Amino acid sequence: MSVHFRYRYRFDGESREMPLGAWPRVTLAAIRHQFDETRLRVERGGDPADQRRLVVEKLKVEKAEIARQQQELAERSRELADSQLTLSALFAAWHAEALADNTAKGAQAVRRLFELHLLPGAGGTRVGDVSPSDIRNAVRALIEAGKISTAITLHRYTNSMFGWAGRRKPWRLLFDINPVEDVDIERMVPAGYQGWSERVLGDDEIFELRNRFQVIRNTWDFHSGPRRGIARPIPREHELAVWITLATLVRINEMCTAQWQAHVSFEKATWNHLGLAGEEPPVDHRSPLGFRAAASP
């Protein structure tokens, strides 16, 4: 139980009230002192209640200012921490999100690509300080080593990484221009370089490939004892992919993204890969096996 004390008075013709405290939380001596002080202010023409309101408002303003300053300090600290983020940190964030849908083996191959050829030299560089020269040096080193295909792949994935970063916080706040855009990979590769082969397998080579697949698999499956030194057959699904590719002339990305229920119809003997991987639909290829890879159902 507590007893609340208030002092009522009139100011400018209006009735006012000033709280003095609550006993026993506040001692009676303190309440008496507050009463005497309040009465003295009123007798001198002051308004204690209004002064109290001004003090309360001032305290609110001061608290709000302190909160604002603390928030600004936290934001500056966060911005400072973000500005120290390195290329290695960007790679870790990009790899975890952008390659989440890749196979574990494919994601690991990309990680190994960066860890071998880009991050050792530029991984500790702050994202905002990464320059086209950092990318160019890594790509040039691969080209000079004769690993042109790897250099092109590194350039493509690095460009993809910065494109991903340019659409997300805090990364997009750390750099103005994608540094990969100033690295002209086409001018760096040797003149006349071609990343694909125009050679066509002959019928006898296709038969030989089939026989080798079969011999290697039979040797492995029917061998008794240790298999050390014996060629291991490729996974059965990879072997089937080879024959589907040869039979339908589909591209690798179409093979990897194909879905049985969505794209393949055994009843119609068609494989609809229209729009896979965001590419133009390929031409309609007839297969000697009686299966057709079609651009539309």
Protein backbone atom coordinates (compact mmCIF):
# COMPACT_ATOMS: atom_id res chain seq x y z
CA MET A 1 0.00 0.00 0.00
CA SER A 2 1.24 3.48 -0.79
CA VAL A 3 0.02 7.02 -0.19
CA HIS A 4 0.39 9.56 -3.02
CA PHE A 5 0.86 13.25 -2.20
CA ARG A 6 -0.04 16.02 -4.64
CA TYR A 7 0.00 19.80 -4.39
CA ARG A 8 -2.93 21.62 -6.01
CA TYR A 9 -2.65 25.26 -6.96
CA ARG A 10 -3.96 27.77 -9.50
CA PHE A 11 -1.90 29.35 -12.27
CA ASP A 12 -3.24 31.83 -14.81
CA GLY A 13 -6.73 31.13 -13.48
CA GLU A 14 -6.44 27.39 -14.09
CA SER A 15 -6.25 24.60 -11.58
CA ARG A 16 -2.95 22.72 -11.68
CA GLU A 17 -1.58 19.73 -9.83
CA MET A 18 2.00 18.80 -8.98
CA PRO A 19 2.90 15.27 -7.77
CA LEU A 20 5.13 15.29 -4.69
CA GLY A 21 5.83 11.60 -4.31
CA ALA A 22 4.43 8.37 -2.88
CA TRP A 23 5.06 7.16 0.64
CA PRO A 24 6.72 4.83 1.69
CA ARG A 25 8.73 4.70 -1.55
CA VAL A 26 9.61 8.34 -0.85
CA THR A 27 10.21 9.40 2.73
CA LEU A 28 7.90 11.91 4.38
CA ALA A 29 10.82 14.28 4.86
CA ALA A 30 11.53 14.25 1.12
CA ILE A 31 7.86 14.80 0.35
CA ARG A 32 7.76 17.73 2.78
CA HIS A 33 10.85 19.21 1.14
CA GLN A 34 9.27 18.85 -2.30
CA PHE A 35 6.08 20.48 -0.98
CA ASP A 36 7.94 23.48 0.42
CA GLU A 37 9.91 23.91 -2.81
CA THR A 38 6.83 23.67 -5.00
CA ARG A 39 4.85 26.13 -2.89
CA LEU A 40 7.74 28.60 -3.00
CA ARG A 41 7.83 28.45 -6.80
CA VAL A 42 4.10 29.09 -7.00
CA GLU A 43 4.34 32.03 -4.60
CA ARG A 44 7.07 33.51 -6.83
CA GLY A 45 4.80 33.27 -9.89
CA GLY A 46 6.23 30.07 -11.37
CA ASP A 47 4.42 27.00 -12.69
CA PRO A 48 6.09 23.86 -11.28
CA ALA A 49 3.93 21.51 -13.35
CA ASP A 50 4.91 23.26 -16.58
CA GLN A 51 8.56 23.26 -15.56
CA ARG A 52 8.29 19.55 -14.84
CA ARG A 53 6.75 19.00 -18.28
CA LEU A 54 9.59 20.94 -19.90
CA VAL A 55 12.14 18.87 -18.01
CA VAL A 56 10.42 15.62 -19.07
CA GLU A 57 10.32 16.75 -22.70
CA LYS A 58 13.94 17.79 -22.56
CA LEU A 59 14.89 14.38 -21.18
CA LYS A 60 12.93 12.72 -24.01
CA VAL A 61 14.75 14.83 -26.59
CA GLU A 62 18.10 14.03 -25.02
CA LYS A 63 17.30 10.29 -24.94
CA ALA A 64 16.20 10.39 -28.58
CA GLU A 65 19.43 12.19 -29.51
CA ILE A 66 21.50 9.62 -27.64
CA ALA A 67 19.64 6.80 -29.41
CA ARG A 68 20.22 8.50 -32.77
CA GLN A 69 23.92 8.91 -32.08
CA GLN A 70 24.18 5.27 -31.00
CA GLN A 71 22.42 4.18 -34.19
CA GLU A 72 24.73 6.31 -36.33
CA LEU A 73 27.73 4.88 -34.50
CA ALA A 74 26.45 1.33 -35.09
CA GLU A 75 25.87 2.08 -38.79
CA ARG A 76 29.34 3.58 -39.16
CA SER A 77 30.83 0.56 -37.40
CA ARG A 78 28.89 -1.76 -39.72
CA GLU A 79 29.92 0.23 -42.80
CA LEU A 80 33.53 0.13 -41.64
CA ALA A 81 33.31 -3.63 -41.13
CA ASP A 82 31.66 -4.07 -44.54
CA SER A 83 34.34 -1.95 -46.20
CA GLN A 84 36.95 -4.41 -44.92
CA LEU A 85 35.26 -7.41 -46.53
CA THR A 86 37.66 -9.18 -48.85
CA LEU A 87 37.35 -10.97 -52.14
CA SER A 88 37.58 -14.26 -50.26
CA ALA A 89 34.55 -13.28 -48.17
CA LEU A 90 32.65 -12.35 -51.32
CA PHE A 91 33.53 -15.68 -52.90
CA ALA A 92 32.36 -17.59 -49.81
CA ALA A 93 28.98 -15.80 -49.80
CA TRP A 94 28.49 -16.15 -53.56
CA HIS A 95 29.54 -19.79 -53.67
CA ALA A 96 27.18 -20.75 -50.84
CA GLU A 97 24.13 -19.08 -52.42
CA ALA A 98 24.64 -18.98 -56.17
CA LEU A 99 25.91 -22.56 -56.46
CA ALA A 100 23.54 -24.07 -53.92
CA ASP A 101 21.62 -25.90 -56.66
CA ASN A 102 24.75 -27.29 -58.31
CA THR A 103 25.94 -30.80 -57.68
CA ALA A 104 28.44 -31.15 -54.87
CA LYS A 105 31.10 -32.14 -57.39
CA GLY A 106 30.38 -29.15 -59.62
CA ALA A 107 30.42 -26.69 -56.71
CA GLN A 108 33.68 -28.18 -55.48
CA ALA A 109 35.21 -27.78 -58.94
CA VAL A 110 34.34 -24.06 -58.92
CA ARG A 111 35.79 -23.68 -55.43
CA ARG A 112 39.00 -25.38 -56.50
CA LEU A 113 39.19 -23.13 -59.57
CA PHE A 114 39.11 -19.98 -57.43
CA GLU A 115 41.32 -21.34 -54.66
CA LEU A 116 44.02 -22.31 -57.14
CA HIS A 117 44.00 -19.40 -59.55
CA LEU A 118 42.40 -16.23 -58.11
CA LEU A 119 42.17 -16.19 -54.34
CA PRO A 120 45.87 -16.85 -53.61
CA GLY A 121 46.78 -13.54 -55.25
CA ALA A 122 43.72 -11.37 -54.67
CA GLY A 123 41.72 -13.13 -51.96
CA GLY A 124 42.93 -10.80 -49.21
CA THR A 125 42.12 -7.67 -51.22
CA ARG A 126 39.15 -5.63 -50.07
CA VAL A 127 36.23 -5.91 -52.48
CA GLY A 128 36.30 -2.18 -53.14
CA ASP A 129 39.99 -2.37 -54.03
CA VAL A 130 39.79 -5.29 -56.47
CA SER A 131 40.96 -3.97 -59.83
CA PRO A 132 40.80 -5.29 -63.38
CA SER A 133 44.52 -5.99 -63.06
CA ASP A 134 43.86 -8.53 -60.30
CA ILE A 135 41.53 -10.46 -62.59
CA ARG A 136 43.68 -9.92 -65.66
CA ASN A 137 46.81 -11.25 -63.94
CA ALA A 138 45.07 -14.45 -62.88
CA VAL A 139 43.63 -15.00 -66.36
CA ARG A 140 46.92 -14.19 -68.09
CA ALA A 141 48.83 -16.65 -65.89
CA LEU A 142 46.51 -19.45 -66.98
CA ILE A 143 46.75 -18.50 -70.65
CA GLU A 144 50.54 -18.40 -70.49
CA ALA A 145 50.46 -21.86 -68.92
CA GLY A 146 48.42 -23.11 -71.87
CA LYS A 147 45.24 -23.51 -69.81
CA ILE A 148 43.09 -21.33 -72.03
CA SER A 149 39.83 -23.12 -71.33
CA THR A 150 40.41 -22.78 -67.57
CA ALA A 151 41.19 -19.08 -68.02
CA ILE A 152 37.93 -18.51 -69.86
CA THR A 153 36.01 -20.41 -67.19
CA LEU A 154 37.62 -18.39 -64.40
CA HIS A 155 36.78 -15.15 -66.20
CA ARG A 156 33.16 -16.23 -66.69
CA TYR A 157 32.62 -17.32 -63.08
CA THR A 158 34.32 -14.21 -61.68
CA ASN A 159 32.10 -12.02 -63.81
CA SER A 160 29.08 -13.96 -62.58
CA MET A 161 30.21 -13.49 -58.97
CA PHE A 162 30.49 -9.71 -59.27
CA GLY A 163 27.18 -9.59 -61.13
CA TRP A 164 25.61 -11.46 -58.20
CA ALA A 165 27.26 -9.08 -55.71
CA GLY A 166 26.01 -6.03 -57.62
CA ARG A 167 22.43 -6.98 -56.76
CA ARG A 168 22.87 -7.62 -53.03
CA LYS A 169 23.78 -5.76 -49.87
CA PRO A 170 26.29 -5.10 -48.52
CA TRP A 171 28.32 -6.13 -51.55
CA ARG A 172 26.77 -3.72 -54.06
CA LEU A 173 27.74 -0.82 -51.79
CA LEU A 174 31.41 -1.80 -51.85
CA PHE A 175 32.23 -1.24 -55.51
CA ASP A 176 31.05 1.02 -58.31
CA ILE A 177 32.01 -0.97 -61.40
CA ASN A 178 32.40 -4.68 -61.97
CA PRO A 179 36.20 -5.00 -62.44
CA VAL A 180 35.76 -8.01 -64.73
CA GLU A 181 34.03 -5.83 -67.33
CA ASP A 182 37.36 -4.17 -68.13
CA VAL A 183 39.07 -7.52 -68.77
CA ASP A 184 38.64 -8.33 -72.46
CA ILE A 185 39.15 -12.08 -72.50
CA GLU A 186 38.78 -12.27 -76.28
CA ARG A 187 41.83 -10.07 -76.79
CA MET A 188 43.86 -12.08 -74.31
CA VAL A 189 43.43 -15.55 -75.79
CA PRO A 190 45.71 -16.49 -78.70
CA ALA A 191 44.49 -15.59 -82.15
CA GLY A 192 42.58 -18.39 -83.79
CA TYR A 193 41.84 -20.15 -80.50
CA GLN A 194 38.76 -22.32 -80.69
CA GLY A 195 37.22 -23.80 -77.60
CA TRP A 196 35.46 -26.59 -79.41
CA SER A 197 36.33 -29.33 -81.83
CA GLU A 198 34.82 -29.68 -85.27
CA ARG A 199 36.02 -33.25 -85.64
CA VAL A 200 33.25 -35.78 -86.30
CA LEU A 201 33.41 -39.38 -85.11
CA GLY A 202 33.19 -41.95 -87.84
CA ASP A 203 30.97 -45.00 -87.62
CA ASP A 204 33.94 -47.26 -86.93
CA GLU A 205 35.05 -45.00 -84.06
CA ILE A 206 31.57 -45.08 -82.51
CA PHE A 207 31.61 -48.89 -82.65
CA GLU A 208 35.09 -48.90 -81.12
CA LEU A 209 33.91 -46.60 -78.32
CA ARG A 210 31.02 -48.96 -77.58
CA ASN A 211 33.36 -51.97 -77.52
CA ARG A 212 35.80 -50.23 -75.19
CA PHE A 213 33.04 -49.27 -72.78
CA GLN A 214 31.88 -52.88 -72.75
CA VAL A 215 35.34 -54.42 -72.36
CA ILE A 216 36.30 -52.10 -69.50
CA ARG A 217 33.03 -52.72 -67.68
CA ASN A 218 33.16 -56.51 -68.14
CA THR A 219 36.80 -56.65 -67.04
CA TRP A 220 35.95 -54.71 -63.89
CA ASP A 221 32.74 -56.57 -63.04
CA PHE A 222 34.03 -60.10 -63.60
CA HIS A 223 37.52 -59.66 -62.22
CA SER A 224 38.20 -61.69 -59.09
CA GLY A 225 40.71 -60.38 -56.63
CA PRO A 226 42.26 -56.93 -56.23
CA ARG A 227 41.36 -54.46 -59.01
CA ARG A 228 44.38 -52.24 -58.57
CA GLY A 229 45.84 -51.31 -61.94
CA ILE A 230 42.60 -52.15 -63.78
CA ALA A 231 40.77 -49.35 -65.56
CA ARG A 232 37.61 -48.36 -63.71
CA PRO A 233 34.51 -47.99 -65.92
CA ILE A 234 32.78 -44.64 -66.02
CA PRO A 235 29.42 -44.43 -64.22
CA ARG A 236 26.62 -46.10 -66.15
CA GLU A 237 24.62 -42.86 -66.33
CA HIS A 238 27.61 -41.11 -67.96
CA GLU A 239 27.87 -43.83 -70.53
CA LEU A 240 24.19 -43.55 -71.33
CA ALA A 241 24.58 -39.78 -71.62
CA VAL A 242 27.24 -40.32 -74.27
CA TRP A 243 24.89 -42.44 -76.37
CA ILE A 244 21.94 -40.06 -75.92
CA THR A 245 24.16 -37.16 -76.99
CA LEU A 246 25.37 -39.02 -80.06
CA ALA A 247 21.86 -40.15 -80.89
CA THR A 248 20.10 -36.79 -80.54
CA LEU A 249 22.94 -34.26 -80.94
CA VAL A 250 21.76 -32.32 -77.90
CA ARG A 251 24.18 -30.03 -76.13
CA ILE A 252 25.73 -30.77 -72.75
CA ASN A 253 23.73 -28.14 -70.87
CA GLU A 254 20.53 -29.54 -72.34
CA MET A 255 21.53 -33.01 -71.24
CA CYS A 256 22.33 -31.86 -67.70
CA THR A 257 19.12 -29.84 -67.21
CA ALA A 258 16.70 -32.30 -68.82
CA GLN A 259 13.91 -33.71 -66.65
CA TRP A 260 12.11 -36.94 -67.45
CA GLN A 261 8.57 -35.81 -66.63
CA ALA A 262 8.90 -32.24 -67.91
CA HIS A 263 10.80 -32.76 -71.15
CA VAL A 264 10.71 -36.39 -72.26
CA SER A 265 7.73 -38.25 -73.75
CA PHE A 266 8.33 -41.91 -74.56
CA GLU A 267 4.83 -42.17 -76.05
CA LYS A 268 5.60 -39.48 -78.65
CA ALA A 269 9.31 -40.36 -78.81
CA THR A 270 10.20 -36.69 -78.30
CA TRP A 271 12.51 -34.72 -76.07
CA ASN A 272 11.33 -31.14 -75.75
CA HIS A 273 14.26 -28.98 -74.63
CA LEU A 274 12.79 -25.64 -75.69
CA GLY A 275 14.23 -22.78 -73.66
CA LEU A 276 16.51 -24.88 -71.45
CA ALA A 277 19.30 -22.88 -69.86
CA GLY A 278 17.89 -19.70 -71.38
CA GLU A 279 19.22 -20.45 -74.85
CA GLU A 280 17.70 -20.40 -78.28
CA PRO A 281 15.92 -23.67 -79.11
CA PRO A 282 18.11 -25.96 -81.22
CA VAL A 283 17.04 -27.39 -84.52
CA ASP A 284 15.04 -30.58 -84.74
CA HIS A 285 17.55 -33.47 -84.82
CA ARG A 286 16.56 -36.89 -86.11
CA SER A 287 18.16 -39.83 -84.40
CA PRO A 288 19.21 -43.07 -86.10
CA LEU A 289 17.79 -44.79 -83.02
CA GLY A 290 14.28 -43.55 -83.75
CA PHE A 291 14.24 -40.90 -81.02
CA ARG A 292 13.74 -37.24 -81.80
CA ALA A 293 15.07 -34.24 -79.85
CA ALA A 294 12.44 -31.63 -80.65
CA ALA A 295 12.39 -27.89 -80.21
CA SER A 296 8.69 -28.04 -79.38
CA PRO A 297 6.30 -30.84 -78.32
